[in-house]
């Protein structure tokens, strides 16, 4: 396991901040050994939390043109038929995965194909499970067109803590199933919009593994 590139700045600032806090305490209260020890323990705990958030585990994607794989780790919180209003402007099957701060936050391409749409939207920071987070929060919408003509839309949605969404794809780009397309920092959600005839292979409260778990099968 390695660390993701998106963590470089955050981890560096965390180290500097924690070292400064410990140095300041020792300078201003040199005889308070109990406080020094407590702050050191808290600092180590915070450092481990930040580092684990940016972990980059090895994932093995079994590529299959009929499969839609999970774009992220987390818990399935929505499976329903909805009207997708931004791109398809019609009914689709929606599957939503909520990512807690303890999950790996790398995002993976659910299918192979060509990116036909990619747009960033500034917005609010409602909690990720809020019904309006999908349309009002900071988000990106990406659509990939499979070689058979089927299009799958997936949307990165910022949460109450997530204040930075990263994406690495652009319109016209060819992408491979299981490759990285983005990263969201500190708690978030991804919505996937599938054709109505797609066979959903997960259930509410399931915990898919990004880049590996098959969440749907295309007809």
Protein backbone atom coordinates (compact mmCIF):
# COMPACT_ATOMS: atom_id res chain seq x y z
CA UNK A 1 0.00 0.00 0.00
CA UNK A 2 1.22 3.51 -0.87
CA UNK A 3 -0.03 7.06 -0.32
CA UNK A 4 -2.06 8.94 -2.91
CA UNK A 5 -0.59 12.02 -4.58
CA UNK A 6 -3.51 14.13 -3.35
CA UNK A 7 -2.29 13.69 0.21
CA UNK A 8 1.12 15.32 -0.24
CA UNK A 9 0.06 18.84 0.72
CA UNK A 10 -2.36 17.87 3.48
CA UNK A 11 0.06 15.44 5.13
CA UNK A 12 2.89 17.99 4.96
CA UNK A 13 0.74 20.71 6.57
CA UNK A 14 -0.41 18.25 9.23
CA UNK A 15 3.19 17.38 10.16
CA UNK A 16 4.20 21.07 10.31
CA UNK A 17 1.15 21.99 12.41
CA UNK A 18 1.59 19.15 14.89
CA UNK A 19 5.32 19.76 15.29
CA UNK A 20 4.64 23.47 15.86
CA UNK A 21 1.98 22.74 18.48
CA UNK A 22 4.23 20.34 20.38
CA UNK A 23 7.19 22.72 20.20
CA UNK A 24 5.08 25.66 21.42
CA UNK A 25 3.78 23.69 24.39
CA UNK A 26 7.28 22.66 25.42
CA UNK A 27 8.52 26.24 25.04
CA UNK A 28 5.74 27.96 27.01
CA UNK A 29 5.04 25.18 29.53
CA UNK A 30 8.34 23.30 29.82
CA UNK A 31 7.50 21.60 33.13
CA UNK A 32 4.07 20.23 32.17
CA UNK A 33 5.20 16.73 31.23
CA UNK A 34 1.69 15.26 31.44
CA UNK A 35 0.42 17.83 28.94
CA UNK A 36 3.41 17.14 26.70
CA UNK A 37 2.62 13.43 26.71
CA UNK A 38 -1.10 13.95 26.09
CA UNK A 39 -0.48 16.31 23.19
CA UNK A 40 2.04 13.88 21.69
CA UNK A 41 -0.50 11.04 21.87
CA UNK A 42 -3.21 13.20 20.30
CA UNK A 43 -0.78 14.35 17.60
CA UNK A 44 0.17 10.79 16.69
CA UNK A 45 -3.51 9.82 16.55
CA UNK A 46 -4.37 12.74 14.25
CA UNK A 47 -1.37 12.00 12.04
CA UNK A 48 -2.42 8.35 11.60
CA UNK A 49 -6.01 9.42 10.79
CA UNK A 50 -4.85 11.83 8.09
CA UNK A 51 -2.35 9.38 6.59
CA UNK A 52 -4.85 6.50 6.44
CA UNK A 53 -7.30 8.72 4.60
CA UNK A 54 -4.86 9.06 1.70
CA UNK A 55 -3.89 5.39 1.53
CA UNK A 56 -3.73 3.89 -1.94
CA UNK A 57 -4.31 0.13 -1.77
CA UNK A 58 -3.73 -2.17 -4.71
CA UNK A 59 -6.97 -2.99 -6.51
CA UNK A 60 -7.46 -5.66 -9.17
CA UNK A 61 -10.21 -5.00 -11.68
CA UNK A 62 -11.58 -7.96 -13.64
CA UNK A 63 -12.63 -6.13 -16.79
CA UNK A 64 -15.92 -7.12 -18.36
CA UNK A 65 -17.83 -5.01 -20.91
CA UNK A 66 -21.16 -5.99 -19.35
CA UNK A 67 -20.17 -5.08 -15.81
CA UNK A 68 -20.37 -1.75 -13.99
CA UNK A 69 -17.88 -1.75 -11.13
CA UNK A 70 -18.07 0.32 -7.95
CA UNK A 71 -16.47 3.74 -8.50
CA UNK A 72 -15.63 4.01 -4.80
CA UNK A 73 -15.47 2.27 -1.44
CA UNK A 74 -18.35 2.91 0.94
CA UNK A 75 -21.93 1.90 1.66
CA UNK A 76 -24.83 1.70 -0.77
CA UNK A 77 -27.43 4.20 0.47
CA UNK A 78 -29.72 4.64 -2.56
CA UNK A 79 -31.10 2.27 -5.20
CA UNK A 80 -34.07 3.77 -7.04
CA UNK A 81 -35.51 4.90 -10.34
CA UNK A 82 -35.16 8.66 -10.79
CA UNK A 83 -35.28 11.35 -13.47
CA UNK A 84 -31.73 12.51 -14.22
CA UNK A 85 -32.08 16.18 -15.17
CA UNK A 86 -28.56 17.34 -16.10
CA UNK A 87 -27.55 15.13 -19.01
CA UNK A 88 -30.03 12.35 -19.84
CA UNK A 89 -33.09 14.41 -18.92
CA UNK A 90 -35.02 11.22 -18.45
CA UNK A 91 -35.50 8.18 -16.20
CA UNK A 92 -32.50 6.19 -15.01
CA UNK A 93 -31.61 3.69 -12.27
CA UNK A 94 -29.60 5.44 -9.56
CA UNK A 95 -27.16 3.73 -7.22
CA UNK A 96 -25.47 5.93 -4.59
CA UNK A 97 -22.42 5.07 -2.51
CA UNK A 98 -21.65 7.05 0.65
CA UNK A 99 -17.98 7.32 1.64
CA UNK A 100 -17.13 7.96 5.28
CA UNK A 101 -13.82 9.61 6.26
CA UNK A 102 -12.48 6.11 7.05
CA UNK A 103 -12.99 4.82 3.49
CA UNK A 104 -10.45 4.92 0.68
CA UNK A 105 -11.45 8.02 -1.31
CA UNK A 106 -9.96 7.17 -4.70
CA UNK A 107 -12.58 7.10 -7.48
CA UNK A 108 -12.48 4.47 -10.24
CA UNK A 109 -13.97 4.41 -13.73
CA UNK A 110 -16.97 2.03 -13.61
CA UNK A 111 -16.80 1.16 -17.32
CA UNK A 112 -14.41 1.52 -20.24
CA UNK A 113 -15.24 3.96 -23.03
CA UNK A 114 -15.03 7.59 -24.13
CA UNK A 115 -15.82 10.52 -21.85
CA UNK A 116 -18.69 12.31 -23.59
CA UNK A 117 -19.44 14.83 -20.85
CA UNK A 118 -17.48 16.27 -17.92
CA UNK A 119 -18.59 19.31 -15.95
CA UNK A 120 -17.76 20.81 -12.56
CA UNK A 121 -20.45 22.56 -10.48
CA UNK A 122 -19.69 24.82 -7.53
CA UNK A 123 -22.21 24.43 -4.73
CA UNK A 124 -23.10 23.91 -1.10
CA UNK A 125 -21.67 21.45 1.44
CA UNK A 126 -24.76 19.69 2.75
CA UNK A 127 -24.18 16.35 4.46
CA UNK A 128 -23.65 13.75 1.73
CA UNK A 129 -26.81 11.77 2.59
CA UNK A 130 -29.05 14.85 2.30
CA UNK A 131 -31.62 14.36 -0.52
CA UNK A 132 -30.62 17.65 -2.17
CA UNK A 133 -26.86 17.05 -2.02
CA UNK A 134 -26.94 15.44 -5.48
CA UNK A 135 -28.16 18.67 -7.09
CA UNK A 136 -27.04 21.46 -4.73
CA UNK A 137 -23.61 20.45 -3.41
CA UNK A 138 -20.24 21.00 -5.05
CA UNK A 139 -20.00 18.19 -7.60
CA UNK A 140 -18.70 16.94 -10.92
CA UNK A 141 -20.73 15.05 -13.49
CA UNK A 142 -18.94 12.64 -15.82
CA UNK A 143 -20.48 10.49 -18.56
CA UNK A 144 -18.65 7.61 -20.23
CA UNK A 145 -19.95 6.07 -23.45
CA UNK A 146 -19.27 2.37 -23.86
CA UNK A 147 -18.27 1.03 -27.30
CA UNK A 148 -21.76 -0.51 -27.59
CA UNK A 149 -23.33 2.94 -27.25
CA UNK A 150 -24.48 2.65 -23.62
CA UNK A 151 -23.73 5.70 -21.50
CA UNK A 152 -23.18 5.65 -17.74
CA UNK A 153 -23.20 8.84 -15.69
CA UNK A 154 -21.39 9.12 -12.37
CA UNK A 155 -21.34 12.15 -10.13
CA UNK A 156 -18.81 13.06 -7.42
CA UNK A 157 -20.57 14.93 -4.63
CA UNK A 158 -18.83 16.86 -1.86
CA UNK A 159 -20.05 16.33 1.70
CA UNK A 160 -20.03 18.48 4.83
CA UNK A 161 -16.31 17.83 5.34
CA UNK A 162 -15.21 17.31 1.74
CA UNK A 163 -14.08 20.67 0.42
CA UNK A 164 -12.11 19.57 -2.59
CA UNK A 165 -13.12 17.34 -5.47
CA UNK A 166 -10.38 16.19 -7.85
CA UNK A 167 -11.00 14.69 -11.28
CA UNK A 168 -8.52 13.63 -13.94
CA UNK A 169 -10.63 13.12 -17.06
CA UNK A 170 -11.91 15.40 -19.82
CA UNK A 171 -14.35 15.16 -22.71
CA UNK A 172 -13.10 13.04 -25.58
CA UNK A 173 -10.69 11.04 -23.42
CA UNK A 174 -10.64 7.24 -23.56
CA UNK A 175 -10.79 5.63 -20.11
CA UNK A 176 -10.31 2.08 -18.87
CA UNK A 177 -12.56 0.29 -16.41
CA UNK A 178 -10.94 0.32 -12.98
CA UNK A 179 -8.52 3.18 -13.67
CA UNK A 180 -8.59 6.28 -11.46
CA UNK A 181 -10.77 9.17 -12.52
CA UNK A 182 -10.66 11.25 -9.35
CA UNK A 183 -10.43 11.71 -5.60
CA UNK A 184 -12.65 13.39 -2.98
CA UNK A 185 -11.25 14.60 0.34
CA UNK A 186 -12.83 13.84 3.72
CA UNK A 187 -16.26 12.25 3.36
CA UNK A 188 -18.47 12.32 0.29
CA UNK A 189 -20.77 10.43 -2.05
CA UNK A 190 -20.92 9.14 -5.61
CA UNK A 191 -24.14 8.70 -7.61
CA UNK A 192 -24.19 6.33 -10.59
CA UNK A 193 -26.99 6.60 -13.17
CA UNK A 194 -27.64 3.47 -15.22
CA UNK A 195 -30.04 2.45 -18.00
CA UNK A 196 -33.44 1.26 -16.77
CA UNK A 197 -32.75 -2.28 -17.98
CA UNK A 198 -29.47 -2.58 -16.04
CA UNK A 199 -29.47 -5.45 -13.55
CA UNK A 200 -28.53 -4.11 -10.11
CA UNK A 201 -26.30 -6.55 -8.23
CA UNK A 202 -26.02 -4.77 -4.88
CA UNK A 203 -28.45 -4.03 -2.07
CA UNK A 204 -28.95 -1.16 0.37
CA UNK A 205 -26.25 -1.21 3.10
CA UNK A 206 -23.88 -3.34 1.01
CA UNK A 207 -20.25 -2.21 1.23
CA UNK A 208 -18.70 -2.38 -2.24
CA UNK A 209 -14.96 -2.17 -2.86
CA UNK A 210 -14.00 0.51 -5.37
CA UNK A 211 -12.45 -0.83 -8.54
CA UNK A 212 -13.45 -4.43 -7.77
CA UNK A 213 -17.10 -4.97 -6.75
CA UNK A 214 -19.56 -5.39 -9.63
CA UNK A 215 -22.59 -3.26 -8.79
CA UNK A 216 -24.61 -3.76 -11.99
CA UNK A 217 -24.76 -5.65 -15.26
CA UNK A 218 -25.60 -3.94 -18.55
CA UNK A 219 -28.04 -5.68 -20.87
